[in-house]
Amino acid sequence: MNYNLEIYNIDNTYEYGLRITQCGMLSALGKVNSVPHVYDNYVLSFVTKGDGAYIIDGVINQVKAGDAFLTAPNVITSWTTQGNNPIQYIFMVINGPEHLKILSDVGLGLRSRTFKYLYKGDQSILQYLFSLYEAGKSNPTNEYKIIGYLYLIMDCISKNNKREEYDILTSQGIYFKKAVTFISDNYSNNINVLDIANFLNIDRTYLYKIFKTKTGVSPISYLNNYRLEKAKWMIMHSDFSNTDIAVASGFYDYSHFSRAFKKRYELSPGEFRYQIKSTHSWRTDWSKTIKTIQHRYAIIEIARYSLRFYKSIIHFHKRTVNAIYPHVFVFFPYM
């Protein structure tokens, strides 16, 4: 056997959350091809030295110091390492009433996989790993101390996964913003998806992933929709011909432009323009009618208020004259 294996059984009376039943360290002494194995519980292994390969159901995953591998129950796994840089890893067998929920919550999931446990040089998790290993080696009955280190390790994994997700989303956000700016500045030119990817210095596959994440559509769909929106605005607010608008919005083939426009808006460019003009004409005529009615109503109101004012003057005049010359209305009752 070309490796050293230390295994320590941990006493378990802890009945909540996550438990650890075994921990240990494997140190390869040279080239090793392990025998395929199936575990009954989840096993977490952290590579602390060397490099090798972790094989999940025949799929080879290269691992090195700073990488880890989660082994799920009832899955055939094995590992290999070369003699020039033999692998060393700390492992722990875990279970417990809530171990499935906790594995999912920290971002590990429930399937066998590899992942990086060191985040940009942060060595905190390494300290907890060796502390757990030493606690299991020196006093396996001190389960609460060992469980405490296990939760600290899970906390580090959770934080690292969140940081990586944030980094990915942040970098995607920057690329997306630059891509949208490039499209808005160049949509009228004969650009395509490859031009956008080259501008960002990324490959088309990653560009596609960014746009699907941010918009739910592919880059080419986003570009075409942007051009169609610009064309629609120009039809509504300008007197340019549909052919000129097609070119100005980046469609150099009018038949393609017409098909794309009709597919999106259910009207051809010509039909859409006619509808806009008809609507505008109706609104203009109705506006004129409203203004005419308002003008006539204003004239009637002015006449009505003028008549009321005139009557008030006559009434005031009658009262004044009656007060001074009461006998006048005897001879002029209709005054």
C-alpha atoms as a PDB file:
ATOM      1  CA  MET A   1       0.000   0.000   0.000  1.00  0.00           C
ATOM      2  CA  ASN A   2       1.667   3.159  -1.245  1.00  0.00           C
ATOM      3  CA  TYR A   3      -0.030   5.608   1.161  1.00  0.00           C
ATOM      4  CA  ASN A   4      -0.548   6.292   4.864  1.00  0.00           C
ATOM      5  CA  LEU A   5      -4.139   6.373   6.147  1.00  0.00           C
ATOM      6  CA  GLU A   6      -5.212   7.659   9.571  1.00  0.00           C
ATOM      7  CA  ILE A   7      -8.858   7.204  10.615  1.00  0.00           C
ATOM      8  CA  TYR A   8     -10.361   8.349  13.915  1.00  0.00           C
ATOM      9  CA  ASN A   9     -13.841   7.386  15.039  1.00  0.00           C
ATOM     10  CA  ILE A  10     -15.711  10.224  16.731  1.00  0.00           C
ATOM     11  CA  ASP A  11     -18.027   9.518  19.673  1.00  0.00           C
ATOM     12  CA  ASN A  12     -21.516  10.773  18.798  1.00  0.00           C
ATOM     13  CA  THR A  13     -24.200  11.791  21.260  1.00  0.00           C
ATOM     14  CA  TYR A  14     -25.021  15.009  19.389  1.00  0.00           C
ATOM     15  CA  GLU A  15     -28.555  14.612  18.048  1.00  0.00           C
ATOM     16  CA  TYR A  16     -29.056  17.829  16.088  1.00  0.00           C
ATOM     17  CA  GLY A  17     -28.096  19.334  12.757  1.00  0.00           C
ATOM     18  CA  LEU A  18     -24.797  18.007  11.429  1.00  0.00           C
ATOM     19  CA  ARG A  19     -22.667  15.218  12.913  1.00  0.00           C
ATOM     20  CA  ILE A  20     -19.256  13.805  12.148  1.00  0.00           C
ATOM     21  CA  THR A  21     -18.622  10.095  12.652  1.00  0.00           C
ATOM     22  CA  GLN A  22     -15.035   9.801  11.362  1.00  0.00           C
ATOM     23  CA  CYS A  23     -12.181  12.047  10.373  1.00  0.00           C
ATOM     24  CA  GLY A  24      -8.638  11.418   9.223  1.00  0.00           C
ATOM     25  CA  MET A  25      -5.837  12.084   6.765  1.00  0.00           C
ATOM     26  CA  LEU A  26      -4.580  10.234   3.715  1.00  0.00           C
ATOM     27  CA  SER A  27      -1.006  10.860   2.516  1.00  0.00           C
ATOM     28  CA  ALA A  28       0.136   9.227  -0.716  1.00  0.00           C
ATOM     29  CA  LEU A  29       3.792   8.183  -0.810  1.00  0.00           C
ATOM     30  CA  GLY A  30       4.005   7.851  -4.588  1.00  0.00           C
ATOM     31  CA  LYS A  31       1.872   6.883  -7.535  1.00  0.00           C
ATOM     32  CA  VAL A  32      -1.476   5.450  -6.394  1.00  0.00           C
ATOM     33  CA  ASN A  33      -4.587   4.214  -8.189  1.00  0.00           C
ATOM     34  CA  SER A  34      -7.204   3.606  -5.508  1.00  0.00           C
ATOM     35  CA  VAL A  35      -9.768   0.830  -5.643  1.00  0.00           C
ATOM     36  CA  PRO A  36     -13.285   2.064  -6.597  1.00  0.00           C
ATOM     37  CA  HIS A  37     -15.389   2.449  -3.484  1.00  0.00           C
ATOM     38  CA  VAL A  38     -19.013   3.175  -2.487  1.00  0.00           C
ATOM     39  CA  TYR A  39     -19.704   4.991   0.787  1.00  0.00           C
ATOM     40  CA  ASP A  40     -22.778   4.779   3.022  1.00  0.00           C
ATOM     41  CA  ASN A  41     -22.547   8.434   4.119  1.00  0.00           C
ATOM     42  CA  TYR A  42     -21.376  11.748   2.712  1.00  0.00           C
ATOM     43  CA  VAL A  43     -17.598  12.246   2.786  1.00  0.00           C
ATOM     44  CA  LEU A  44     -15.895  15.650   2.512  1.00  0.00           C
ATOM     45  CA  SER A  45     -12.220  15.594   1.492  1.00  0.00           C
ATOM     46  CA  PHE A  46      -9.893  18.622   1.353  1.00  0.00           C
ATOM     47  CA  VAL A  47      -6.629  18.413  -0.593  1.00  0.00           C
ATOM     48  CA  THR A  48      -3.872  20.063   1.446  1.00  0.00           C
ATOM     49  CA  LYS A  49      -0.834  18.986  -0.623  1.00  0.00           C
ATOM     50  CA  GLY A  50       0.023  17.600  -4.041  1.00  0.00           C
ATOM     51  CA  ASP A  51      -2.364  16.867  -6.883  1.00  0.00           C
ATOM     52  CA  GLY A  52      -4.250  14.014  -8.478  1.00  0.00           C
ATOM     53  CA  ALA A  53      -7.624  13.094  -9.902  1.00  0.00           C
ATOM     54  CA  TYR A  54     -10.982  12.366  -8.302  1.00  0.00           C
ATOM     55  CA  ILE A  55     -13.099   9.974 -10.380  1.00  0.00           C
ATOM     56  CA  ILE A  56     -16.922  10.085 -10.097  1.00  0.00           C
ATOM     57  CA  ASP A  57     -18.736   7.299 -11.947  1.00  0.00           C
ATOM     58  CA  GLY A  58     -15.885   7.141 -14.458  1.00  0.00           C
ATOM     59  CA  VAL A  59     -15.641  10.956 -14.932  1.00  0.00           C
ATOM     60  CA  ILE A  60     -12.130  12.260 -14.137  1.00  0.00           C
ATOM     61  CA  ASN A  61     -11.843  15.552 -12.189  1.00  0.00           C
ATOM     62  CA  GLN A  62      -8.350  17.015 -11.715  1.00  0.00           C
ATOM     63  CA  VAL A  63      -7.706  18.236  -8.144  1.00  0.00           C
ATOM     64  CA  LYS A  64      -4.822  19.951  -6.368  1.00  0.00           C
ATOM     65  CA  ALA A  65      -4.075  21.704  -3.076  1.00  0.00           C
ATOM     66  CA  GLY A  66      -6.933  24.118  -2.405  1.00  0.00           C
ATOM     67  CA  ASP A  67      -9.517  21.827  -4.022  1.00  0.00           C
ATOM     68  CA  ALA A  68     -12.021  19.577  -2.275  1.00  0.00           C
ATOM     69  CA  PHE A  69     -14.361  16.799  -3.272  1.00  0.00           C
ATOM     70  CA  LEU A  70     -17.745  15.821  -1.891  1.00  0.00           C
ATOM     71  CA  THR A  71     -18.579  12.128  -2.163  1.00  0.00           C
ATOM     72  CA  ALA A  72     -22.268  11.222  -2.040  1.00  0.00           C
ATOM     73  CA  PRO A  73     -23.547   7.875  -0.740  1.00  0.00           C
ATOM     74  CA  ASN A  74     -24.021   4.978  -3.169  1.00  0.00           C
ATOM     75  CA  VAL A  75     -21.826   6.519  -5.874  1.00  0.00           C
ATOM     76  CA  ILE A  76     -18.761   4.721  -7.260  1.00  0.00           C
ATOM     77  CA  THR A  77     -15.685   6.914  -6.700  1.00  0.00           C
ATOM     78  CA  SER A  78     -11.908   6.514  -6.715  1.00  0.00           C
ATOM     79  CA  TRP A  79      -8.799   8.685  -6.819  1.00  0.00           C
ATOM     80  CA  THR A  80      -5.348   8.627  -8.382  1.00  0.00           C
ATOM     81  CA  THR A  81      -2.107  10.521  -7.891  1.00  0.00           C
ATOM     82  CA  GLN A  82       1.292  10.587  -9.568  1.00  0.00           C
ATOM     83  CA  GLY A  83       4.580   9.956  -7.816  1.00  0.00           C
ATOM     84  CA  ASN A  84       6.173  13.354  -8.552  1.00  0.00           C
ATOM     85  CA  ASN A  85       3.648  15.308  -6.437  1.00  0.00           C
ATOM     86  CA  PRO A  86       1.635  12.834  -4.350  1.00  0.00           C
ATOM     87  CA  ILE A  87      -1.655  13.936  -2.893  1.00  0.00           C
ATOM     88  CA  GLN A  88      -2.541  14.509   0.753  1.00  0.00           C
ATOM     89  CA  TYR A  89      -6.051  15.245   1.986  1.00  0.00           C
ATOM     90  CA  ILE A  90      -8.048  15.548   5.201  1.00  0.00           C
ATOM     91  CA  PHE A  91     -11.434  13.859   5.139  1.00  0.00           C
ATOM     92  CA  MET A  92     -14.510  13.650   7.340  1.00  0.00           C
ATOM     93  CA  VAL A  93     -17.575  11.402   7.243  1.00  0.00           C
ATOM     94  CA  ILE A  94     -20.745  13.364   8.017  1.00  0.00           C
ATOM     95  CA  ASN A  95     -24.423  12.663   8.648  1.00  0.00           C
ATOM     96  CA  GLY A  96     -27.068  13.882  11.055  1.00  0.00           C
ATOM     97  CA  PRO A  97     -30.782  14.769  11.132  1.00  0.00           C
ATOM     98  CA  GLU A  98     -30.287  17.915   9.029  1.00  0.00           C
ATOM     99  CA  HIS A  99     -27.125  17.122   7.083  1.00  0.00           C
ATOM    100  CA  LEU A 100     -28.905  17.156   3.701  1.00  0.00           C
ATOM    101  CA  LYS A 101     -30.414  20.583   4.368  1.00  0.00           C
ATOM    102  CA  ILE A 102     -27.105  22.011   5.581  1.00  0.00           C
ATOM    103  CA  LEU A 103     -25.158  20.667   2.593  1.00  0.00           C
ATOM    104  CA  SER A 104     -27.703  22.333   0.312  1.00  0.00           C
ATOM    105  CA  ASP A 105     -27.797  25.578   2.306  1.00  0.00           C
ATOM    106  CA  VAL A 106     -24.029  26.127   2.150  1.00  0.00           C
ATOM    107  CA  GLY A 107     -24.075  25.588  -1.607  1.00  0.00           C
ATOM    108  CA  LEU A 108     -22.516  22.124  -1.870  1.00  0.00           C
ATOM    109  CA  GLY A 109     -25.626  20.309  -3.041  1.00  0.00           C
ATOM    110  CA  LEU A 110     -26.227  16.589  -2.661  1.00  0.00           C
ATOM    111  CA  ARG A 111     -24.313  15.151  -5.633  1.00  0.00           C
ATOM    112  CA  SER A 112     -20.676  14.092  -5.796  1.00  0.00           C
ATOM    113  CA  ARG A 113     -18.611  17.025  -7.022  1.00  0.00           C
ATOM    114  CA  THR A 114     -15.328  18.901  -6.733  1.00  0.00           C
ATOM    115  CA  PHE A 115     -14.983  22.529  -5.623  1.00  0.00           C
ATOM    116  CA  LYS A 116     -12.388  25.061  -4.455  1.00  0.00           C
ATOM    117  CA  TYR A 117     -12.318  25.623  -0.718  1.00  0.00           C
ATOM    118  CA  LEU A 118      -9.638  28.329  -0.626  1.00  0.00           C
ATOM    119  CA  TYR A 119     -10.993  31.733  -1.657  1.00  0.00           C
ATOM    120  CA  LYS A 120      -8.355  34.179  -2.930  1.00  0.00           C
ATOM    121  CA  GLY A 121      -5.737  33.089  -0.419  1.00  0.00           C
ATOM    122  CA  ASP A 122      -8.007  33.050   2.637  1.00  0.00           C
ATOM    123  CA  GLN A 123      -6.407  30.474   4.957  1.00  0.00           C
ATOM    124  CA  SER A 124      -9.100  30.430   7.675  1.00  0.00           C
ATOM    125  CA  ILE A 125     -10.634  27.167   6.541  1.00  0.00           C
ATOM    126  CA  LEU A 126      -7.231  25.460   6.563  1.00  0.00           C
ATOM    127  CA  GLN A 127      -6.798  26.337  10.224  1.00  0.00           C
ATOM    128  CA  TYR A 128     -10.203  24.856  11.056  1.00  0.00           C
ATOM    129  CA  LEU A 129      -9.445  21.728   9.005  1.00  0.00           C
ATOM    130  CA  PHE A 130      -6.190  20.960  10.839  1.00  0.00           C
ATOM    131  CA  SER A 131      -7.770  21.878  14.188  1.00  0.00           C
ATOM    132  CA  LEU A 132     -10.589  19.410  13.550  1.00  0.00           C
ATOM    133  CA  TYR A 133      -8.104  16.759  12.475  1.00  0.00           C
ATOM    134  CA  GLU A 134      -5.927  17.273  15.575  1.00  0.00           C
ATOM    135  CA  ALA A 135      -8.990  17.280  17.860  1.00  0.00           C
ATOM    136  CA  GLY A 136     -10.211  14.005  16.343  1.00  0.00           C
ATOM    137  CA  LYS A 137      -6.720  12.518  16.639  1.00  0.00           C
ATOM    138  CA  SER A 138      -5.998  13.575  20.226  1.00  0.00           C
ATOM    139  CA  ASN A 139      -9.437  13.363  21.837  1.00  0.00           C
ATOM    140  CA  PRO A 140     -12.192  11.805  19.721  1.00  0.00           C
ATOM    141  CA  THR A 141     -14.604  11.999  22.676  1.00  0.00           C
ATOM    142  CA  ASN A 142     -14.580  15.801  22.528  1.00  0.00           C
ATOM    143  CA  GLU A 143     -17.353  15.784  19.948  1.00  0.00           C
ATOM    144  CA  TYR A 144     -18.660  19.307  20.630  1.00  0.00           C
ATOM    145  CA  LYS A 145     -15.273  20.831  19.888  1.00  0.00           C
ATOM    146  CA  ILE A 146     -15.025  18.753  16.700  1.00  0.00           C
ATOM    147  CA  ILE A 147     -18.602  19.675  15.692  1.00  0.00           C
ATOM    148  CA  GLY A 148     -17.731  23.343  16.340  1.00  0.00           C
ATOM    149  CA  TYR A 149     -14.828  23.161  13.875  1.00  0.00           C
ATOM    150  CA  LEU A 150     -17.095  21.374  11.385  1.00  0.00           C
ATOM    151  CA  TYR A 151     -19.620  24.221  11.501  1.00  0.00           C
ATOM    152  CA  LEU A 152     -16.822  26.783  11.103  1.00  0.00           C
ATOM    153  CA  ILE A 153     -15.686  24.897   7.988  1.00  0.00           C
ATOM    154  CA  MET A 154     -19.263  24.909   6.655  1.00  0.00           C
ATOM    155  CA  ASP A 155     -19.477  28.630   7.348  1.00  0.00           C
ATOM    156  CA  CYS A 156     -16.316  29.231   5.299  1.00  0.00           C
ATOM    157  CA  ILE A 157     -17.666  27.131   2.422  1.00  0.00           C
ATOM    158  CA  SER A 158     -20.954  29.055   2.487  1.00  0.00           C
ATOM    159  CA  LYS A 159     -19.180  32.437   2.464  1.00  0.00           C
ATOM    160  CA  ASN A 160     -16.852  31.360  -0.333  1.00  0.00           C
ATOM    161  CA  ASN A 161     -19.747  30.195  -2.492  1.00  0.00           C
ATOM    162  CA  LYS A 162     -21.577  33.486  -1.950  1.00  0.00           C
ATOM    163  CA  ARG A 163     -18.422  35.452  -2.778  1.00  0.00           C
ATOM    164  CA  GLU A 164     -17.897  33.470  -5.965  1.00  0.00           C
ATOM    165  CA  GLU A 165     -21.536  33.985  -6.975  1.00  0.00           C
ATOM    166  CA  TYR A 166     -21.171  37.717  -6.277  1.00  0.00           C
ATOM    167  CA  ASP A 167     -17.942  37.874  -8.303  1.00  0.00           C
ATOM    168  CA  ILE A 168     -19.591  36.062 -11.212  1.00  0.00           C
ATOM    169  CA  LEU A 169     -22.681  38.290 -11.127  1.00  0.00           C
ATOM    170  CA  THR A 170     -20.554  41.417 -10.763  1.00  0.00           C
ATOM    171  CA  SER A 171     -18.304  40.521 -13.690  1.00  0.00           C
ATOM    172  CA  GLN A 172     -21.337  39.541 -15.751  1.00  0.00           C
ATOM    173  CA  GLY A 173     -22.979  42.848 -14.868  1.00  0.00           C
ATOM    174  CA  ILE A 174     -19.930  44.789 -16.067  1.00  0.00           C
ATOM    175  CA  TYR A 175     -19.759  42.843 -19.334  1.00  0.00           C
ATOM    176  CA  PHE A 176     -23.512  43.229 -19.866  1.00  0.00           C
ATOM    177  CA  LYS A 177     -23.399  46.989 -19.319  1.00  0.00           C
ATOM    178  CA  LYS A 178     -20.512  47.352 -21.773  1.00  0.00           C
ATOM    179  CA  ALA A 179     -22.297  45.145 -24.317  1.00  0.00           C
ATOM    180  CA  VAL A 180     -25.503  47.208 -24.096  1.00  0.00           C
ATOM    181  CA  THR A 181     -23.510  50.437 -24.507  1.00  0.00           C
ATOM    182  CA  PHE A 182     -21.726  48.980 -27.541  1.00  0.00           C
ATOM    183  CA  ILE A 183     -25.070  48.002 -29.073  1.00  0.00           C
ATOM    184  CA  SER A 184     -26.628  51.428 -28.453  1.00  0.00           C
ATOM    185  CA  ASP A 185     -23.595  53.123 -30.053  1.00  0.00           C
ATOM    186  CA  ASN A 186     -23.323  50.793 -33.049  1.00  0.00           C
ATOM    187  CA  TYR A 187     -26.744  49.255 -33.743  1.00  0.00           C
ATOM    188  CA  SER A 188     -27.062  51.198 -37.001  1.00  0.00           C
ATOM    189  CA  ASN A 189     -23.840  49.626 -38.264  1.00  0.00           C
ATOM    190  CA  ASN A 190     -23.620  46.112 -39.655  1.00  0.00           C
ATOM    191  CA  ILE A 191     -22.562  44.549 -36.304  1.00  0.00           C
ATOM    192  CA  ASN A 192     -23.221  40.994 -35.139  1.00  0.00           C
ATOM    193  CA  VAL A 193     -22.736  38.874 -32.017  1.00  0.00           C
ATOM    194  CA  LEU A 194     -19.100  38.125 -32.864  1.00  0.00           C
ATOM    195  CA  ASP A 195     -18.359  41.868 -32.978  1.00  0.00           C
ATOM    196  CA  ILE A 196     -19.835  42.285 -29.486  1.00  0.00           C
ATOM    197  CA  ALA A 197     -17.833  39.338 -28.113  1.00  0.00           C
ATOM    198  CA  ASN A 198     -14.618  40.640 -29.689  1.00  0.00           C
ATOM    199  CA  PHE A 199     -15.238  44.097 -28.225  1.00  0.00           C
ATOM    200  CA  LEU A 200     -15.565  42.574 -24.739  1.00  0.00           C
ATOM    201  CA  ASN A 201     -12.684  40.137 -25.368  1.00  0.00           C
ATOM    202  CA  ILE A 202     -14.806  37.144 -24.318  1.00  0.00           C
ATOM    203  CA  ASP A 203     -16.045  34.123 -26.249  1.00  0.00           C
ATOM    204  CA  ARG A 204     -19.530  33.901 -27.743  1.00  0.00           C
ATOM    205  CA  THR A 205     -20.604  31.121 -25.362  1.00  0.00           C
ATOM    206  CA  TYR A 206     -19.942  33.270 -22.292  1.00  0.00           C
ATOM    207  CA  LEU A 207     -21.639  36.252 -23.967  1.00  0.00           C
ATOM    208  CA  TYR A 208     -24.705  34.073 -24.606  1.00  0.00           C
ATOM    209  CA  LYS A 209     -24.740  32.989 -20.939  1.00  0.00           C
ATOM    210  CA  ILE A 210     -24.545  36.607 -19.753  1.00  0.00           C
ATOM    211  CA  PHE A 211     -27.484  37.742 -21.906  1.00  0.00           C
ATOM    212  CA  LYS A 212     -29.616  34.726 -20.970  1.00  0.00           C
ATOM    213  CA  THR A 213     -28.952  35.458 -17.281  1.00  0.00           C
ATOM    214  CA  LYS A 214     -29.650  39.184 -17.543  1.00  0.00           C
ATOM    215  CA  THR A 215     -32.437  39.347 -20.141  1.00  0.00           C
ATOM    216  CA  GLY A 216     -33.683  35.832 -20.780  1.00  0.00           C
ATOM    217  CA  VAL A 217     -32.891  36.127 -24.505  1.00  0.00           C
ATOM    218  CA  SER A 218     -29.833  35.498 -26.674  1.00  0.00           C
ATOM    219  CA  PRO A 219     -27.489  38.344 -27.724  1.00  0.00           C
ATOM    220  CA  ILE A 220     -28.727  38.252 -31.332  1.00  0.00           C
ATOM    221  CA  SER A 221     -32.368  38.460 -30.164  1.00  0.00           C
ATOM    222  CA  TYR A 222     -31.525  41.402 -27.917  1.00  0.00           C
ATOM    223  CA  LEU A 223     -29.710  43.178 -30.779  1.00  0.00           C
ATOM    224  CA  ASN A 224     -32.577  42.621 -33.236  1.00  0.00           C
ATOM    225  CA  ASN A 225     -35.204  43.712 -30.704  1.00  0.00           C
ATOM    226  CA  TYR A 226     -33.199  46.869 -29.973  1.00  0.00           C
ATOM    227  CA  ARG A 227     -33.002  47.677 -33.686  1.00  0.00           C
ATOM    228  CA  LEU A 228     -36.735  47.057 -34.150  1.00  0.00           C
ATOM    229  CA  GLU A 229     -37.580  49.377 -31.263  1.00  0.00           C
ATOM    230  CA  LYS A 230     -35.486  52.104 -32.870  1.00  0.00           C
ATOM    231  CA  ALA A 231     -37.155  51.485 -36.239  1.00  0.00           C
ATOM    232  CA  LYS A 232     -40.600  51.649 -34.635  1.00  0.00           C
ATOM    233  CA  TRP A 233     -39.769  54.981 -33.001  1.00  0.00           C
ATOM    234  CA  MET A 234     -38.514  56.423 -36.310  1.00  0.00           C
ATOM    235  CA  ILE A 235     -41.672  55.333 -38.146  1.00  0.00           C
ATOM    236  CA  MET A 236     -43.790  57.023 -35.477  1.00  0.00           C
ATOM    237  CA  HIS A 237     -41.804  60.265 -35.252  1.00  0.00           C
ATOM    238  CA  SER A 238     -40.240  60.888 -38.662  1.00  0.00           C
ATOM    239  CA  ASP A 239     -41.108  61.122 -42.356  1.00  0.00           C
ATOM    240  CA  PHE A 240     -38.191  58.965 -43.514  1.00  0.00           C
ATOM    241  CA  SER A 241     -39.036  56.157 -45.909  1.00  0.00           C
ATOM    242  CA  ASN A 242     -39.254  52.644 -44.527  1.00  0.00           C
ATOM    243  CA  THR A 243     -36.190  51.680 -46.569  1.00  0.00           C
ATOM    244  CA  ASP A 244     -34.115  54.487 -45.038  1.00  0.00           C
ATOM    245  CA  ILE A 245     -35.376  53.568 -41.564  1.00  0.00           C
ATOM    246  CA  ALA A 246     -34.374  49.936 -42.114  1.00  0.00           C
ATOM    247  CA  VAL A 247     -30.801  50.951 -42.951  1.00  0.00           C
ATOM    248  CA  ALA A 248     -30.668  53.517 -40.130  1.00  0.00           C
ATOM    249  CA  SER A 249     -31.664  50.852 -37.620  1.00  0.00           C
ATOM    250  CA  GLY A 250     -29.083  48.343 -38.845  1.00  0.00           C
ATOM    251  CA  PHE A 251     -31.136  46.221 -41.258  1.00  0.00           C
ATOM    252  CA  TYR A 252     -29.393  46.279 -44.629  1.00  0.00           C
ATOM    253  CA  ASP A 253     -31.806  43.766 -46.159  1.00  0.00           C
ATOM    254  CA  TYR A 254     -35.280  45.337 -46.329  1.00  0.00           C
ATOM    255  CA  SER A 255     -37.094  42.015 -46.744  1.00  0.00           C
ATOM    256  CA  HIS A 256     -35.434  40.747 -43.569  1.00  0.00           C
ATOM    257  CA  PHE A 257     -36.391  43.971 -41.794  1.00  0.00           C
ATOM    258  CA  SER A 258     -40.005  43.717 -42.940  1.00  0.00           C
ATOM    259  CA  ARG A 259     -40.321  40.068 -41.833  1.00  0.00           C
ATOM    260  CA  ALA A 260     -38.707  40.776 -38.444  1.00  0.00           C
ATOM    261  CA  PHE A 261     -40.893  43.858 -37.890  1.00  0.00           C
ATOM    262  CA  LYS A 262     -44.109  41.992 -38.722  1.00  0.00           C
ATOM    263  CA  LYS A 263     -43.139  39.045 -36.536  1.00  0.00           C
ATOM    264  CA  ARG A 264     -42.602  41.339 -33.543  1.00  0.00           C
ATOM    265  CA  TYR A 265     -45.437  43.853 -34.017  1.00  0.00           C
ATOM    266  CA  GLU A 266     -47.885  41.788 -36.148  1.00  0.00           C
ATOM    267  CA  LEU A 267     -47.890  44.545 -38.788  1.00  0.00           C
ATOM    268  CA  SER A 268     -45.541  45.274 -41.665  1.00  0.00           C
ATOM    269  CA  PRO A 269     -43.663  48.617 -41.513  1.00  0.00           C
ATOM    270  CA  GLY A 270     -46.038  50.055 -44.132  1.00  0.00           C
ATOM    271  CA  GLU A 271     -49.149  48.871 -42.278  1.00  0.00           C
ATOM    272  CA  PHE A 272     -47.800  50.206 -39.011  1.00  0.00           C
ATOM    273  CA  ARG A 273     -47.112  53.620 -40.567  1.00  0.00           C
ATOM    274  CA  TYR A 274     -50.633  53.750 -42.056  1.00  0.00           C
ATOM    275  CA  GLN A 275     -52.148  52.868 -38.675  1.00  0.00           C
ATOM    276  CA  ILE A 276     -50.120  55.596 -36.949  1.00  0.00           C
ATOM    277  CA  LYS A 277     -51.160  58.207 -39.544  1.00  0.00           C
ATOM    278  CA  SER A 278     -54.834  57.183 -39.334  1.00  0.00           C
ATOM    279  CA  THR A 279     -54.763  57.404 -35.564  1.00  0.00           C
ATOM    280  CA  HIS A 280     -53.007  60.771 -35.725  1.00  0.00           C
ATOM    281  CA  SER A 281     -55.532  62.099 -38.286  1.00  0.00           C
ATOM    282  CA  TRP A 282     -58.485  60.980 -36.146  1.00  0.00           C
ATOM    283  CA  ARG A 283     -56.957  62.581 -33.082  1.00  0.00           C
ATOM    284  CA  THR A 284     -56.313  65.831 -34.981  1.00  0.00           C
ATOM    285  CA  ASP A 285     -59.903  66.010 -36.295  1.00  0.00           C
ATOM    286  CA  TRP A 286     -61.348  65.216 -32.901  1.00  0.00           C
ATOM    287  CA  SER A 287     -59.094  67.814 -31.295  1.00  0.00           C
ATOM    288  CA  LYS A 288     -60.354  70.448 -33.731  1.00  0.00           C
ATOM    289  CA  THR A 289     -63.963  69.472 -32.988  1.00  0.00           C
ATOM    290  CA  ILE A 290     -63.360  69.749 -29.259  1.00  0.00           C
ATOM    291  CA  LYS A 291     -61.754  73.178 -29.680  1.00  0.00           C
ATOM    292  CA  THR A 292     -64.728  74.387 -31.794  1.00  0.00           C
ATOM    293  CA  ILE A 293     -67.187  73.183 -29.177  1.00  0.00           C
ATOM    294  CA  GLN A 294     -65.165  74.779 -26.405  1.00  0.00           C
ATOM    295  CA  HIS A 295     -65.017  78.072 -28.365  1.00  0.00           C
ATOM    296  CA  ARG A 296     -68.767  78.151 -28.933  1.00  0.00           C
ATOM    297  CA  TYR A 297     -69.487  77.239 -25.364  1.00  0.00           C
ATOM    298  CA  ALA A 298     -67.235  80.081 -24.230  1.00  0.00           C
ATOM    299  CA  ILE A 299     -69.168  82.563 -26.400  1.00  0.00           C
ATOM    300  CA  ILE A 300     -72.480  81.366 -24.917  1.00  0.00           C
ATOM    301  CA  GLU A 301     -71.117  81.663 -21.400  1.00  0.00           C
ATOM    302  CA  ILE A 302     -69.845  85.175 -22.079  1.00  0.00           C
ATOM    303  CA  ALA A 303     -73.279  86.202 -23.433  1.00  0.00           C
ATOM    304  CA  ARG A 304     -75.046  84.642 -20.450  1.00  0.00           C
ATOM    305  CA  TYR A 305     -72.842  86.398 -17.919  1.00  0.00           C
ATOM    306  CA  SER A 306     -73.173  89.673 -19.890  1.00  0.00           C
ATOM    307  CA  LEU A 307     -76.970  89.418 -19.758  1.00  0.00           C
ATOM    308  CA  ARG A 308     -76.862  88.695 -16.051  1.00  0.00           C
ATOM    309  CA  PHE A 309     -74.604  91.707 -15.530  1.00  0.00           C
ATOM    310  CA  TYR A 310     -76.922  93.919 -17.603  1.00  0.00           C
ATOM    311  CA  LYS A 311     -79.968  92.792 -15.569  1.00  0.00           C
ATOM    312  CA  SER A 312     -78.173  93.530 -12.320  1.00  0.00           C
ATOM    313  CA  ILE A 313     -77.387  97.059 -13.516  1.00  0.00           C
ATOM    314  CA  ILE A 314     -81.072  97.640 -14.485  1.00  0.00           C
ATOM    315  CA  HIS A 315     -82.214  96.323 -11.099  1.00  0.00           C
ATOM    316  CA  PHE A 316     -79.738  98.527  -9.274  1.00  0.00           C
ATOM    317  CA  HIS A 317     -80.859 101.512 -11.337  1.00  0.00           C
ATOM    318  CA  LYS A 318     -84.558 100.877 -10.551  1.00  0.00           C
ATOM    319  CA  ARG A 319     -83.898 100.631  -6.819  1.00  0.00           C
ATOM    320  CA  THR A 320     -81.841 103.808  -6.822  1.00  0.00           C
ATOM    321  CA  VAL A 321     -84.428 105.827  -8.752  1.00  0.00           C
ATOM    322  CA  ASN A 322     -87.262 104.442  -6.636  1.00  0.00           C
ATOM    323  CA  ALA A 323     -85.511 105.489  -3.466  1.00  0.00           C
ATOM    324  CA  ILE A 324     -85.017 109.073  -4.721  1.00  0.00           C
ATOM    325  CA  TYR A 325     -88.209 109.546  -6.772  1.00  0.00           C
ATOM    326  CA  PRO A 326     -90.761 107.013  -5.543  1.00  0.00           C
ATOM    327  CA  HIS A 327     -93.568 108.670  -7.576  1.00  0.00           C
ATOM    328  CA  VAL A 328     -91.748 108.029 -10.851  1.00  0.00           C
ATOM    329  CA  PHE A 329     -92.797 104.365 -11.085  1.00  0.00           C
ATOM    330  CA  VAL A 330     -96.397 105.360 -10.722  1.00  0.00           C
ATOM    331  CA  PHE A 331     -96.156 106.857 -14.196  1.00  0.00           C
ATOM    332  CA  PHE A 332     -93.463 104.488 -15.518  1.00  0.00           C
ATOM    333  CA  PRO A 333     -94.179 101.067 -13.948  1.00  0.00           C
ATOM    334  CA  TYR A 334     -92.160  99.205 -16.604  1.00  0.00           C
ATOM    335  CA  MET A 335     -89.021 101.167 -16.060  1.00  0.00           C
END
